[in-house]
Protein backbone atom coordinates (compact mmCIF):
# COMPACT_ATOMS: atom_id res chain seq x y z
CA MET A 1 75.16 83.32 135.81
CA LYS A 2 73.34 86.70 134.65
CA GLY A 3 73.91 87.78 130.71
CA LYS A 4 73.72 90.71 128.77
CA LEU A 5 72.25 92.06 125.06
CA LEU A 6 74.30 95.03 123.78
CA VAL A 7 73.96 96.91 120.24
CA ILE A 8 76.76 98.64 119.50
CA ASP A 9 77.35 101.17 116.44
CA ALA A 10 79.28 99.39 113.83
CA MET A 11 80.73 103.26 112.87
CA ASN A 12 82.10 105.03 115.82
CA GLY A 13 82.19 101.71 118.66
CA SER A 14 78.89 103.45 120.96
CA ILE A 15 76.93 101.55 122.66
CA VAL A 16 73.37 102.28 121.44
CA LYS A 17 71.12 99.71 123.27
CA ASN A 18 72.17 97.84 126.79
CA ILE A 19 70.29 94.92 127.55
CA ASN A 20 70.10 92.67 130.98
CA LEU A 21 69.28 89.14 130.05
CA PRO A 22 67.81 86.70 132.77
CA LEU A 23 70.64 84.00 131.87
CA MET A 24 73.99 83.79 130.70
CA ASN A 25 73.95 83.89 126.78
CA HIS A 26 76.34 81.96 124.27
CA ASN A 27 75.92 84.46 121.32
CA SER A 28 73.67 86.99 120.23
CA ILE A 29 72.83 87.10 116.21
CA TYR A 30 70.84 89.26 113.83
CA SER A 31 67.97 87.49 111.91
CA PRO A 32 69.00 87.33 108.26
CA ASN A 33 66.76 90.01 107.21
CA GLY A 34 68.09 92.23 110.11
CA ASN A 35 64.93 92.59 111.78
CA GLU A 36 65.05 90.54 115.05
CA ILE A 37 67.92 90.00 116.87
CA TRP A 38 68.28 86.23 118.51
CA VAL A 39 69.89 85.29 121.85
CA PRO A 40 69.76 81.74 123.56
CA GLN A 41 69.68 81.32 127.09
CA MET A 42 71.91 78.86 128.92
CA ASP A 43 70.09 76.54 131.53
CA GLU A 44 70.88 73.30 133.15
CA MET A 45 67.18 72.34 132.40
CA ILE A 46 65.04 74.09 129.84
CA SER A 47 66.76 76.80 127.88
CA LYS A 48 65.00 79.62 125.90
CA VAL A 49 65.71 81.58 123.00
CA LEU A 50 64.34 85.50 123.23
CA VAL A 51 63.96 87.53 120.10
CA TYR A 52 63.91 90.86 120.45
CA ASP A 53 62.60 93.51 117.70
CA ALA A 54 66.06 95.05 116.29
CA THR A 55 64.24 98.60 115.70
CA SER A 56 62.52 98.92 119.11
CA ASN A 57 64.37 96.02 121.48
CA ALA A 58 60.82 94.94 122.33
CA LEU A 59 60.53 91.36 123.62
CA LEU A 60 58.69 89.29 120.43
CA ASN A 61 58.92 85.73 121.37
CA THR A 62 60.03 83.37 123.76
CA ILE A 63 60.80 79.67 122.58
CA ASN A 64 61.75 76.43 124.79
CA VAL A 65 64.23 74.58 123.01
CA GLY A 66 67.40 72.04 125.06
CA MET A 67 69.21 71.71 127.82
CA MET A 68 72.41 74.12 127.91
CA ALA A 69 71.83 76.34 124.90
CA ALA A 70 74.75 77.28 123.12
CA GLU A 71 75.12 78.48 119.64
CA LEU A 72 72.72 79.75 117.56
CA THR A 73 73.21 80.11 113.85
CA PHE A 74 71.25 80.32 110.72
CA SER A 75 70.19 78.33 107.51
CA SER A 76 72.13 80.26 104.37
CA ASP A 77 68.63 80.98 103.13
CA GLY A 78 67.65 82.45 106.03
CA THR A 79 64.41 80.25 106.76
CA LYS A 80 65.43 77.98 109.57
CA ALA A 81 67.41 78.96 112.76
CA TYR A 82 69.72 75.83 114.51
CA VAL A 83 70.04 75.64 118.62
CA ALA A 84 73.41 73.63 119.71
CA ASN A 85 71.51 72.05 123.15
CA GLY A 86 74.80 70.94 124.77
CA ASP A 87 73.48 68.65 128.04
CA ASP A 88 70.77 66.83 125.74
CA ASP A 89 73.12 65.96 122.94
CA THR A 90 70.61 67.62 120.31
CA ILE A 91 69.95 70.42 117.81
CA THR A 92 66.68 72.60 117.82
CA ILE A 93 65.49 73.55 114.77
CA ILE A 94 63.16 76.75 114.75
CA ASN A 95 61.43 77.80 111.78
CA THR A 96 62.14 81.57 111.73
CA SER A 97 59.31 82.93 110.22
CA THR A 98 56.51 81.06 112.77
CA LYS A 99 59.27 80.74 115.90
CA ALA A 100 57.67 77.11 115.70
CA ILE A 101 60.31 74.57 116.36
CA ILE A 102 60.74 71.86 113.84
CA THR A 103 62.24 69.56 115.40
CA GLU A 104 64.59 68.07 117.96
CA LEU A 105 67.39 66.53 116.19
CA PRO A 106 69.51 63.96 118.32
CA VAL A 107 73.14 64.80 117.03
CA GLY A 108 76.57 63.86 119.20
CA ASP A 109 78.24 64.48 122.36
CA ASN A 110 77.81 67.70 123.39
CA PRO A 111 77.12 69.59 120.65
CA VAL A 112 78.14 73.33 120.48
CA GLY A 113 77.06 75.14 117.14
CA ALA A 114 75.46 74.20 113.83
CA TRP A 115 77.78 76.03 111.43
CA THR A 116 75.98 77.06 108.23
CA GLY A 117 77.61 75.43 104.77
CA SER A 118 76.35 76.86 101.28
CA ASN A 119 75.49 73.77 100.24
CA ASN A 120 72.02 73.36 102.15
CA LYS A 121 74.02 71.56 104.79
CA MET A 122 74.61 72.92 108.84
CA TYR A 123 77.94 71.14 110.14
CA VAL A 124 77.43 70.60 113.57
CA ASP A 125 80.79 70.55 116.28
CA ASN A 126 80.71 67.59 118.63
CA GLU A 127 83.24 68.61 121.28
CA ASP A 128 83.04 65.60 123.40
CA GLY A 129 81.90 63.57 120.74
CA GLN A 130 84.89 64.54 118.56
CA THR A 131 82.23 64.72 115.54
CA ILE A 132 80.70 66.09 112.72
CA SER A 133 76.87 65.90 112.14
CA VAL A 134 75.87 67.06 108.78
CA ILE A 135 72.49 68.06 109.29
CA ASP A 136 70.35 68.11 105.78
CA VAL A 137 68.55 71.46 105.54
CA ALA A 138 65.40 70.39 103.74
CA THR A 139 64.92 67.13 105.08
CA ASN A 140 65.82 68.31 108.98
CA SER A 141 67.65 64.93 109.27
CA VAL A 142 71.67 63.83 110.16
CA ASP A 143 73.33 62.55 106.59
CA GLU A 144 76.58 61.61 107.92
CA THR A 145 78.27 61.80 111.09
CA ILE A 146 82.09 62.44 110.92
CA THR A 147 84.53 61.00 113.20
CA LEU A 148 87.32 63.55 113.96
CA GLY A 149 89.20 61.53 116.70
CA PHE A 150 90.40 65.25 118.17
CA MET A 151 87.95 67.59 119.95
CA PRO A 152 86.78 70.28 117.21
CA GLY A 153 86.97 74.27 117.77
CA ILE A 154 84.73 75.16 114.81
CA ALA A 155 83.82 73.63 111.18
CA SER A 156 83.64 75.58 108.06
CA TYR A 157 82.42 74.97 104.45
CA ASN A 158 84.81 76.23 101.41
CA GLY A 159 82.11 75.99 98.96
CA PRO A 160 83.97 76.52 95.67
CA LYS A 161 86.64 73.97 97.06
CA ASN A 162 83.89 71.89 98.14
CA GLU A 163 86.16 71.23 101.07
CA LEU A 164 85.38 70.79 104.96
CA TRP A 165 87.47 72.31 107.43
CA VAL A 166 87.59 71.77 110.86
CA SER A 167 89.89 73.53 113.75
CA ASP A 168 91.61 71.08 115.98
CA PRO A 169 92.77 73.13 118.89
CA MET A 170 94.95 70.68 121.29
CA ALA A 171 97.37 70.16 118.00
CA GLY A 172 97.37 73.78 116.73
CA LYS A 173 96.36 72.48 113.20
CA VAL A 174 93.24 72.53 110.57
CA HIS A 175 91.93 69.51 108.93
CA TYR A 176 90.42 69.24 106.00
CA TRP A 177 87.46 66.71 104.09
CA THR A 178 86.92 66.82 100.70
CA TRP A 179 83.31 65.44 98.99
CA ASP A 180 83.78 61.84 97.72
CA ALA A 181 81.17 61.92 95.17
CA GLY A 182 81.62 58.07 94.06
CA MET A 183 81.38 57.26 98.00
CA ASN A 184 78.78 59.74 98.43
CA MET A 185 80.66 60.53 102.01
CA TRP A 186 83.33 63.28 103.25
CA MET A 187 86.92 62.11 103.14
CA HIS A 188 89.77 62.94 105.32
CA GLY A 189 92.21 65.14 102.76
CA SER A 190 95.14 66.03 105.30
CA SER A 191 95.75 69.22 108.11
CA PHE A 192 98.16 71.55 108.20
CA ASN A 193 99.65 73.71 111.27
CA THR A 194 98.33 77.12 112.40
CA GLY A 195 98.96 77.93 115.85
CA ALA A 196 98.13 76.86 119.50
CA GLY A 197 94.44 76.66 120.08
CA ALA A 198 93.38 76.93 116.74
CA HIS A 199 89.51 77.89 116.59
CA ALA A 200 87.56 80.38 114.12
CA ILE A 201 87.97 79.86 110.52
CA ALA A 202 86.94 82.60 108.08
CA PHE A 203 87.02 82.41 104.46
CA THR A 204 87.17 85.52 102.36
CA THR A 205 84.33 85.59 99.28
CA ASP A 206 86.32 83.92 96.80
CA ASP A 207 87.34 81.31 99.12
CA ASN A 208 90.96 81.35 97.97
CA THR A 209 92.12 82.65 101.14
CA ALA A 210 91.08 81.98 104.63
CA TYR A 211 91.92 83.46 107.98
CA VAL A 212 92.33 81.11 111.66
CA THR A 213 92.20 82.39 114.96
CA ASN A 214 94.99 80.58 117.19
CA GLN A 215 93.27 81.33 120.62
CA THR A 216 96.60 80.07 122.76
CA ALA A 217 99.06 81.59 120.39
CA ASN A 218 97.54 85.06 120.37
CA THR A 219 97.63 84.87 116.46
CA VAL A 220 95.77 84.58 113.30
CA SER A 221 97.00 82.65 110.42
CA VAL A 222 96.55 83.69 106.61
CA VAL A 223 95.81 80.25 104.35
CA ASN A 224 96.09 79.77 100.81
CA THR A 225 93.08 77.36 100.47
CA THR A 226 94.76 75.86 97.02
CA ASN A 227 97.56 74.46 98.39
CA HIS A 228 96.82 74.62 102.28
CA SER A 229 100.10 76.79 103.28
CA VAL A 230 100.20 79.45 106.20
CA THR A 231 101.18 82.65 104.43
CA LYS A 232 101.54 85.19 106.84
CA THR A 233 101.12 85.04 110.59
CA ILE A 234 99.59 87.95 112.22
CA ASN A 235 100.16 88.82 115.92
CA VAL A 236 96.43 89.94 117.90
CA GLY A 237 95.41 90.50 121.42
CA ARG A 238 94.86 87.83 124.09
CA LYS A 239 92.65 84.79 123.33
CA PRO A 240 91.59 85.65 119.58
CA ASN A 241 88.07 83.89 119.41
CA GLY A 242 85.93 84.68 116.23
CA ILE A 243 86.67 86.56 112.85
CA VAL A 244 84.52 88.47 111.00
CA ILE A 245 85.77 89.25 107.05
CA LYS A 246 85.26 93.36 106.40
CA MET A 247 83.37 93.22 102.72
């Protein structure tokens, strides 16, 4: 299946550029400095990452990664890119400046994405393995593997409260873990119901409110992060996936 990269004007919704891609892409993402657009290409053999100039839309780099590359994300400091290779259970870590591969790190079964934490960590949701792999950005190593007991939708880190939230689509809820400094590990706190197909989680800048998309329920849950309670449920369109908070 072929893919497509659309560059859209955020003010009026018009299509600025329409680029046909050789293979299906899981996502497309601007580099942290805004100068480039990075696009993973899903292939059963050797997947690739295409790097485009964000101004001219010229192809700058092609980087070989693992099998069936899914989500591509960046570290909070923008120095490293992370590609989840679903079919070979690895994360490819790339130097964003040189485009050189730093390492291919083994994680859990069927990783979908490495989600950025403000604490210099990346949180990998391994769907078939039902685990979260915690990657240390500085050392390029897995610090901890969190056993979930359910297939994760996404993992999201709440910095001020030092909590790790993981959506549970099948049960329609969100679980959260708290950091135990004495044990030096994440400990399961509790969970709360949101809606069927709970998926994406986004926190406001003060981290006091979270928004959770519920794909099967066609809703978004507004959550008070202090007491972990749903304060409002918003009906939206069919199968809401990601969510971005306008600053």
